[in-house]
Amino acid sequence: MPKQVEGRIICTTVSQNPSGKYFVSVCCTDVDIKPLEKTEAVTGIDVGIKEFAIISDGNKFDNHSHKYHSPKIILIPV
């Protein structure tokens, strides 16, 4: 779901993933950011080569860097 852009836009990047979907990343300034609520939760992260990361609850994140790189299509400074 698209999100309303807030603040002053510094730059925008349009990229396409291998399945053909397009994504837009917008970098803005002068935006009020609400701080997150503090919790007592702690997570350990092990960054590796075979897996990109393994967190302390056992979840693994694959290392996709060797499979493909999503091409950037346009970089528009504003």
C-alpha atoms as a PDB file:
ATOM      1  CA  MET A   1       0.000   0.000   0.000  1.00  0.00           C
ATOM      2  CA  PRO A   2       1.519   3.370  -0.977  1.00  0.00           C
ATOM      3  CA  LYS A   3       2.441   5.752   1.797  1.00  0.00           C
ATOM      4  CA  GLN A   4       1.991   9.522   1.728  1.00  0.00           C
ATOM      5  CA  VAL A   5       5.326  11.318   1.261  1.00  0.00           C
ATOM      6  CA  GLU A   6       6.124  13.770   4.069  1.00  0.00           C
ATOM      7  CA  GLY A   7       8.770  16.489   4.227  1.00  0.00           C
ATOM      8  CA  ARG A   8      11.055  17.756   1.478  1.00  0.00           C
ATOM      9  CA  ILE A   9      12.107  15.152  -1.125  1.00  0.00           C
ATOM     10  CA  ILE A  10      15.903  14.929  -1.549  1.00  0.00           C
ATOM     11  CA  CYS A  11      16.105  12.089  -4.089  1.00  0.00           C
ATOM     12  CA  THR A  12      14.055   9.246  -5.521  1.00  0.00           C
ATOM     13  CA  THR A  13      15.196   5.819  -6.744  1.00  0.00           C
ATOM     14  CA  VAL A  14      13.093   3.582  -9.002  1.00  0.00           C
ATOM     15  CA  SER A  15      14.152  -0.075  -9.171  1.00  0.00           C
ATOM     16  CA  GLN A  16      12.821  -3.305 -10.645  1.00  0.00           C
ATOM     17  CA  ASN A  17      13.182  -6.737  -9.055  1.00  0.00           C
ATOM     18  CA  PRO A  18      13.714  -9.927 -11.138  1.00  0.00           C
ATOM     19  CA  SER A  19       9.973 -10.722 -11.159  1.00  0.00           C
ATOM     20  CA  GLY A  20       9.305  -7.423 -12.947  1.00  0.00           C
ATOM     21  CA  LYS A  21       7.791  -5.445 -10.056  1.00  0.00           C
ATOM     22  CA  TYR A  22       8.831  -1.820  -9.704  1.00  0.00           C
ATOM     23  CA  PHE A  23       9.620  -0.105  -6.400  1.00  0.00           C
ATOM     24  CA  VAL A  24      10.153   3.555  -5.558  1.00  0.00           C
ATOM     25  CA  SER A  25      12.347   4.694  -2.687  1.00  0.00           C
ATOM     26  CA  VAL A  26      12.006   8.325  -1.601  1.00  0.00           C
ATOM     27  CA  CYS A  27      14.574  10.037   0.636  1.00  0.00           C
ATOM     28  CA  CYS A  28      13.069  13.005   2.532  1.00  0.00           C
ATOM     29  CA  THR A  29      14.227  15.582   5.057  1.00  0.00           C
ATOM     30  CA  ASP A  30      12.338  17.758   7.561  1.00  0.00           C
ATOM     31  CA  VAL A  31      10.192  14.818   8.747  1.00  0.00           C
ATOM     32  CA  ASP A  32       9.030  14.360  12.339  1.00  0.00           C
ATOM     33  CA  ILE A  33       9.831  10.799  13.391  1.00  0.00           C
ATOM     34  CA  LYS A  34       7.942   9.323  16.328  1.00  0.00           C
ATOM     35  CA  PRO A  35      10.226   7.301  18.635  1.00  0.00           C
ATOM     36  CA  LEU A  36       9.410   3.629  19.141  1.00  0.00           C
ATOM     37  CA  GLU A  37       8.211   2.374  22.508  1.00  0.00           C
ATOM     38  CA  LYS A  38      10.973   0.911  24.685  1.00  0.00           C
ATOM     39  CA  THR A  39      10.800  -2.814  25.431  1.00  0.00           C
ATOM     40  CA  GLU A  40      12.921  -5.242  27.389  1.00  0.00           C
ATOM     41  CA  ALA A  41      13.305  -7.503  24.333  1.00  0.00           C
ATOM     42  CA  VAL A  42      16.824  -8.453  23.242  1.00  0.00           C
ATOM     43  CA  THR A  43      17.827 -10.096  19.961  1.00  0.00           C
ATOM     44  CA  GLY A  44      21.222 -11.458  18.959  1.00  0.00           C
ATOM     45  CA  ILE A  45      22.247 -11.382  15.292  1.00  0.00           C
ATOM     46  CA  ASP A  46      24.962 -13.551  13.742  1.00  0.00           C
ATOM     47  CA  VAL A  47      25.975 -12.303  10.297  1.00  0.00           C
ATOM     48  CA  GLY A  48      27.633 -14.899   8.089  1.00  0.00           C
ATOM     49  CA  ILE A  49      28.482 -16.013   4.574  1.00  0.00           C
ATOM     50  CA  LYS A  50      26.259 -19.057   3.980  1.00  0.00           C
ATOM     51  CA  GLU A  51      23.256 -17.336   5.572  1.00  0.00           C
ATOM     52  CA  PHE A  52      23.063 -13.546   5.543  1.00  0.00           C
ATOM     53  CA  ALA A  53      21.959 -13.536   9.189  1.00  0.00           C
ATOM     54  CA  ILE A  54      20.678 -15.836  11.921  1.00  0.00           C
ATOM     55  CA  ILE A  55      18.839 -14.251  14.836  1.00  0.00           C
ATOM     56  CA  SER A  56      18.680 -15.610  18.367  1.00  0.00           C
ATOM     57  CA  ASP A  57      15.195 -17.138  17.944  1.00  0.00           C
ATOM     58  CA  GLY A  58      16.561 -19.373  15.155  1.00  0.00           C
ATOM     59  CA  ASN A  59      15.193 -17.519  12.110  1.00  0.00           C
ATOM     60  CA  LYS A  60      17.593 -17.568   9.159  1.00  0.00           C
ATOM     61  CA  PHE A  61      17.846 -15.037   6.345  1.00  0.00           C
ATOM     62  CA  ASP A  62      19.323 -16.291   3.067  1.00  0.00           C
ATOM     63  CA  ASN A  63      22.299 -14.589   1.473  1.00  0.00           C
ATOM     64  CA  HIS A  64      20.982 -13.584  -1.968  1.00  0.00           C
ATOM     65  CA  SER A  65      23.948 -11.409  -2.929  1.00  0.00           C
ATOM     66  CA  HIS A  66      25.469 -14.166  -5.083  1.00  0.00           C
ATOM     67  CA  LYS A  67      22.212 -14.924  -6.951  1.00  0.00           C
ATOM     68  CA  TYR A  68      21.278 -11.630  -8.562  1.00  0.00           C
ATOM     69  CA  HIS A  69      21.381  -7.883  -8.225  1.00  0.00           C
ATOM     70  CA  SER A  70      18.269  -5.839  -8.871  1.00  0.00           C
ATOM     71  CA  PRO A  71      19.117  -3.210 -11.486  1.00  0.00           C
ATOM     72  CA  LYS A  72      18.466   0.397 -10.586  1.00  0.00           C
ATOM     73  CA  ILE A  73      16.624   2.119 -13.345  1.00  0.00           C
ATOM     74  CA  ILE A  74      16.532   5.809 -12.466  1.00  0.00           C
ATOM     75  CA  LEU A  75      18.098   8.027  -9.823  1.00  0.00           C
ATOM     76  CA  ILE A  76      16.409  11.425  -9.784  1.00  0.00           C
ATOM     77  CA  PRO A  77      17.931  14.160  -7.605  1.00  0.00           C
ATOM     78  CA  VAL A  78      15.325  16.769  -6.704  1.00  0.00           C
END
